[in-house]
Amino acid sequence: MHDREGCFFFVRLLLLFVEPSSSGIDGDSRRSFSSEFSKNINAYAIERKGHGGDYSLKWDLCTSEEFVNFDGIVVLNQGRNFGNCWNPKKENFYDPVIHENMGIPRFLDMKQCLKMNPW
């Protein structure tokens, strides 16, 4: 079983999920991790890949919340194949939290645009 709180606590120390002005820390100089990544993913998907146009793949703009869910899938995945997280037949790898938060097509779209992103 996952120690979900432990994983999230550690990641939260390293990465800022909200804008620095909303973190509750006076003079927080950290950069917002998820909002920066979601902006970069969207820019890459639209500008470089051409998604979202009339003759291309439909692209729904990625939000910070969605990127946090994406990151959580990467952290919680127990196997080599991410697809098993959504497959109920794979009892040792299936995760209902992952299944409820993001579909595999969206995960793969975001993964492609994140992996190839030069920013």
C-alpha atoms as a PDB file:
ATOM      1  CA  MET A   1       0.000   0.000   0.000  1.00  0.00           C
ATOM      2  CA  HIS A   2       1.154   3.547  -0.697  1.00  0.00           C
ATOM      3  CA  ASP A   3       2.168   5.947   1.991  1.00  0.00           C
ATOM      4  CA  ARG A   4       0.385   8.749   0.145  1.00  0.00           C
ATOM      5  CA  GLU A   5       0.765  11.374   2.840  1.00  0.00           C
ATOM      6  CA  GLY A   6       4.491  10.667   3.143  1.00  0.00           C
ATOM      7  CA  CYS A   7       5.074  10.971  -0.601  1.00  0.00           C
ATOM      8  CA  PHE A   8       3.091  14.174  -0.885  1.00  0.00           C
ATOM      9  CA  PHE A   9       4.711  15.725   2.199  1.00  0.00           C
ATOM     10  CA  PHE A  10       8.186  15.213   0.769  1.00  0.00           C
ATOM     11  CA  VAL A  11       7.297  16.516  -2.693  1.00  0.00           C
ATOM     12  CA  ARG A  12       5.490  19.517  -1.168  1.00  0.00           C
ATOM     13  CA  LEU A  13       8.697  20.538   0.618  1.00  0.00           C
ATOM     14  CA  LEU A  14      10.582  20.603  -2.672  1.00  0.00           C
ATOM     15  CA  LEU A  15       7.992  21.948  -5.088  1.00  0.00           C
ATOM     16  CA  LEU A  16       5.602  24.848  -4.679  1.00  0.00           C
ATOM     17  CA  PHE A  17       2.119  23.897  -5.934  1.00  0.00           C
ATOM     18  CA  VAL A  18       0.577  27.361  -5.588  1.00  0.00           C
ATOM     19  CA  GLU A  19       1.669  30.855  -6.543  1.00  0.00           C
ATOM     20  CA  PRO A  20       4.248  32.192  -4.054  1.00  0.00           C
ATOM     21  CA  SER A  21       1.847  34.977  -3.003  1.00  0.00           C
ATOM     22  CA  SER A  22      -0.631  32.284  -1.860  1.00  0.00           C
ATOM     23  CA  SER A  23       1.845  30.067   0.003  1.00  0.00           C
ATOM     24  CA  GLY A  24       1.360  31.775   3.369  1.00  0.00           C
ATOM     25  CA  ILE A  25       5.084  32.524   3.681  1.00  0.00           C
ATOM     26  CA  ASP A  26       6.092  36.197   3.705  1.00  0.00           C
ATOM     27  CA  GLY A  27       8.612  36.939   0.964  1.00  0.00           C
ATOM     28  CA  ASP A  28       8.463  33.403  -0.472  1.00  0.00           C
ATOM     29  CA  SER A  29      11.037  33.550  -3.276  1.00  0.00           C
ATOM     30  CA  ARG A  30      10.378  30.065  -4.688  1.00  0.00           C
ATOM     31  CA  ARG A  31       9.010  29.715  -8.209  1.00  0.00           C
ATOM     32  CA  SER A  32       5.625  28.127  -8.632  1.00  0.00           C
ATOM     33  CA  PHE A  33       6.377  24.674  -9.995  1.00  0.00           C
ATOM     34  CA  SER A  34       3.005  23.483 -11.301  1.00  0.00           C
ATOM     35  CA  SER A  35       1.775  26.735 -12.818  1.00  0.00           C
ATOM     36  CA  GLU A  36       5.114  27.232 -14.619  1.00  0.00           C
ATOM     37  CA  PHE A  37       5.043  23.693 -15.996  1.00  0.00           C
ATOM     38  CA  SER A  38       1.424  23.922 -17.089  1.00  0.00           C
ATOM     39  CA  LYS A  39       2.204  27.163 -18.980  1.00  0.00           C
ATOM     40  CA  ASN A  40       5.208  25.529 -20.656  1.00  0.00           C
ATOM     41  CA  ILE A  41       3.285  22.381 -21.587  1.00  0.00           C
ATOM     42  CA  ASN A  42       0.510  24.486 -23.130  1.00  0.00           C
ATOM     43  CA  ALA A  43       2.981  26.658 -25.044  1.00  0.00           C
ATOM     44  CA  TYR A  44       4.798  23.613 -26.403  1.00  0.00           C
ATOM     45  CA  ALA A  45       1.593  21.781 -27.343  1.00  0.00           C
ATOM     46  CA  ILE A  46       0.165  24.756 -29.217  1.00  0.00           C
ATOM     47  CA  GLU A  47       3.262  26.457 -30.660  1.00  0.00           C
ATOM     48  CA  ARG A  48       5.618  23.579 -31.411  1.00  0.00           C
ATOM     49  CA  LYS A  49       3.280  20.606 -31.879  1.00  0.00           C
ATOM     50  CA  GLY A  50       0.457  22.595 -33.484  1.00  0.00           C
ATOM     51  CA  HIS A  51      -2.215  21.021 -31.256  1.00  0.00           C
ATOM     52  CA  GLY A  52      -5.514  22.797 -30.884  1.00  0.00           C
ATOM     53  CA  GLY A  53      -5.802  23.969 -34.510  1.00  0.00           C
ATOM     54  CA  ASP A  54      -8.427  23.153 -37.087  1.00  0.00           C
ATOM     55  CA  TYR A  55      -6.506  20.216 -38.546  1.00  0.00           C
ATOM     56  CA  SER A  56      -4.700  18.835 -35.528  1.00  0.00           C
ATOM     57  CA  LEU A  57      -5.130  17.052 -32.232  1.00  0.00           C
ATOM     58  CA  LYS A  58      -7.619  18.686 -29.876  1.00  0.00           C
ATOM     59  CA  TRP A  59      -5.741  20.203 -26.943  1.00  0.00           C
ATOM     60  CA  ASP A  60      -7.440  21.177 -23.692  1.00  0.00           C
ATOM     61  CA  LEU A  61      -5.283  23.668 -21.823  1.00  0.00           C
ATOM     62  CA  CYS A  62      -3.439  22.069 -18.945  1.00  0.00           C
ATOM     63  CA  THR A  63      -4.079  23.541 -15.488  1.00  0.00           C
ATOM     64  CA  SER A  64      -1.880  23.558 -12.401  1.00  0.00           C
ATOM     65  CA  GLU A  65      -4.259  21.139 -10.673  1.00  0.00           C
ATOM     66  CA  GLU A  66      -4.036  18.748 -13.582  1.00  0.00           C
ATOM     67  CA  PHE A  67      -0.251  18.909 -13.510  1.00  0.00           C
ATOM     68  CA  VAL A  68      -0.275  18.064  -9.776  1.00  0.00           C
ATOM     69  CA  ASN A  69      -2.425  15.023 -10.640  1.00  0.00           C
ATOM     70  CA  PHE A  70       0.041  14.093 -13.405  1.00  0.00           C
ATOM     71  CA  ASP A  71       2.944  14.345 -10.972  1.00  0.00           C
ATOM     72  CA  GLY A  72       1.041  12.230  -8.442  1.00  0.00           C
ATOM     73  CA  ILE A  73       0.596   9.469 -11.018  1.00  0.00           C
ATOM     74  CA  VAL A  74       4.324   9.449 -11.650  1.00  0.00           C
ATOM     75  CA  VAL A  75       5.032   9.269  -7.900  1.00  0.00           C
ATOM     76  CA  LEU A  76       2.411   6.595  -7.144  1.00  0.00           C
ATOM     77  CA  ASN A  77       3.149   4.314 -10.100  1.00  0.00           C
ATOM     78  CA  GLN A  78       4.560   1.022  -8.800  1.00  0.00           C
ATOM     79  CA  GLY A  79       5.505  -0.632 -12.059  1.00  0.00           C
ATOM     80  CA  ARG A  80       7.288   0.033 -15.313  1.00  0.00           C
ATOM     81  CA  ASN A  81       4.111   0.294 -17.379  1.00  0.00           C
ATOM     82  CA  PHE A  82       1.944   3.320 -16.535  1.00  0.00           C
ATOM     83  CA  GLY A  83      -0.981   1.702 -18.350  1.00  0.00           C
ATOM     84  CA  ASN A  84      -1.333  -0.844 -15.544  1.00  0.00           C
ATOM     85  CA  CYS A  85      -2.408   1.936 -13.171  1.00  0.00           C
ATOM     86  CA  TRP A  86      -5.725   2.102 -15.069  1.00  0.00           C
ATOM     87  CA  ASN A  87      -6.193  -1.652 -15.623  1.00  0.00           C
ATOM     88  CA  PRO A  88      -8.341  -3.284 -12.877  1.00  0.00           C
ATOM     89  CA  LYS A  89      -7.133  -6.721 -14.014  1.00  0.00           C
ATOM     90  CA  LYS A  90      -3.636  -5.826 -12.769  1.00  0.00           C
ATOM     91  CA  GLU A  91      -4.467  -6.050  -9.060  1.00  0.00           C
ATOM     92  CA  ASN A  92      -0.983  -5.212  -7.821  1.00  0.00           C
ATOM     93  CA  PHE A  93      -0.642  -2.117 -10.003  1.00  0.00           C
ATOM     94  CA  TYR A  94      -4.189  -0.772 -10.470  1.00  0.00           C
ATOM     95  CA  ASP A  95      -4.841   2.400  -8.478  1.00  0.00           C
ATOM     96  CA  PRO A  96      -8.433   3.687  -8.221  1.00  0.00           C
ATOM     97  CA  VAL A  97      -7.216   7.163  -7.186  1.00  0.00           C
ATOM     98  CA  ILE A  98      -5.199   7.451 -10.388  1.00  0.00           C
ATOM     99  CA  HIS A  99      -8.115   6.047 -12.412  1.00  0.00           C
ATOM    100  CA  GLU A 100     -10.512   8.657 -10.991  1.00  0.00           C
ATOM    101  CA  ASN A 101      -8.221  11.678 -11.367  1.00  0.00           C
ATOM    102  CA  MET A 102      -6.989  11.392 -14.960  1.00  0.00           C
ATOM    103  CA  GLY A 103      -7.605   9.188 -17.962  1.00  0.00           C
ATOM    104  CA  ILE A 104      -4.731   7.461 -19.708  1.00  0.00           C
ATOM    105  CA  PRO A 105      -5.139   9.395 -23.018  1.00  0.00           C
ATOM    106  CA  ARG A 106      -4.751  12.728 -21.194  1.00  0.00           C
ATOM    107  CA  PHE A 107      -1.803  11.390 -19.193  1.00  0.00           C
ATOM    108  CA  LEU A 108      -0.048  10.319 -22.393  1.00  0.00           C
ATOM    109  CA  ASP A 109      -0.756  13.659 -24.132  1.00  0.00           C
ATOM    110  CA  MET A 110       0.723  15.567 -21.204  1.00  0.00           C
ATOM    111  CA  LYS A 111       3.659  13.170 -20.945  1.00  0.00           C
ATOM    112  CA  GLN A 112       4.502  13.657 -24.629  1.00  0.00           C
ATOM    113  CA  CYS A 113       4.428  17.448 -24.372  1.00  0.00           C
ATOM    114  CA  LEU A 114       6.407  17.429 -21.129  1.00  0.00           C
ATOM    115  CA  LYS A 115       9.036  14.999 -22.363  1.00  0.00           C
ATOM    116  CA  MET A 116       9.766  16.880 -25.572  1.00  0.00           C
ATOM    117  CA  ASN A 117       9.493  20.331 -23.982  1.00  0.00           C
ATOM    118  CA  PRO A 118      12.754  22.326 -24.213  1.00  0.00           C
ATOM    119  CA  TRP A 119      11.750  24.924 -21.594  1.00  0.00           C
END
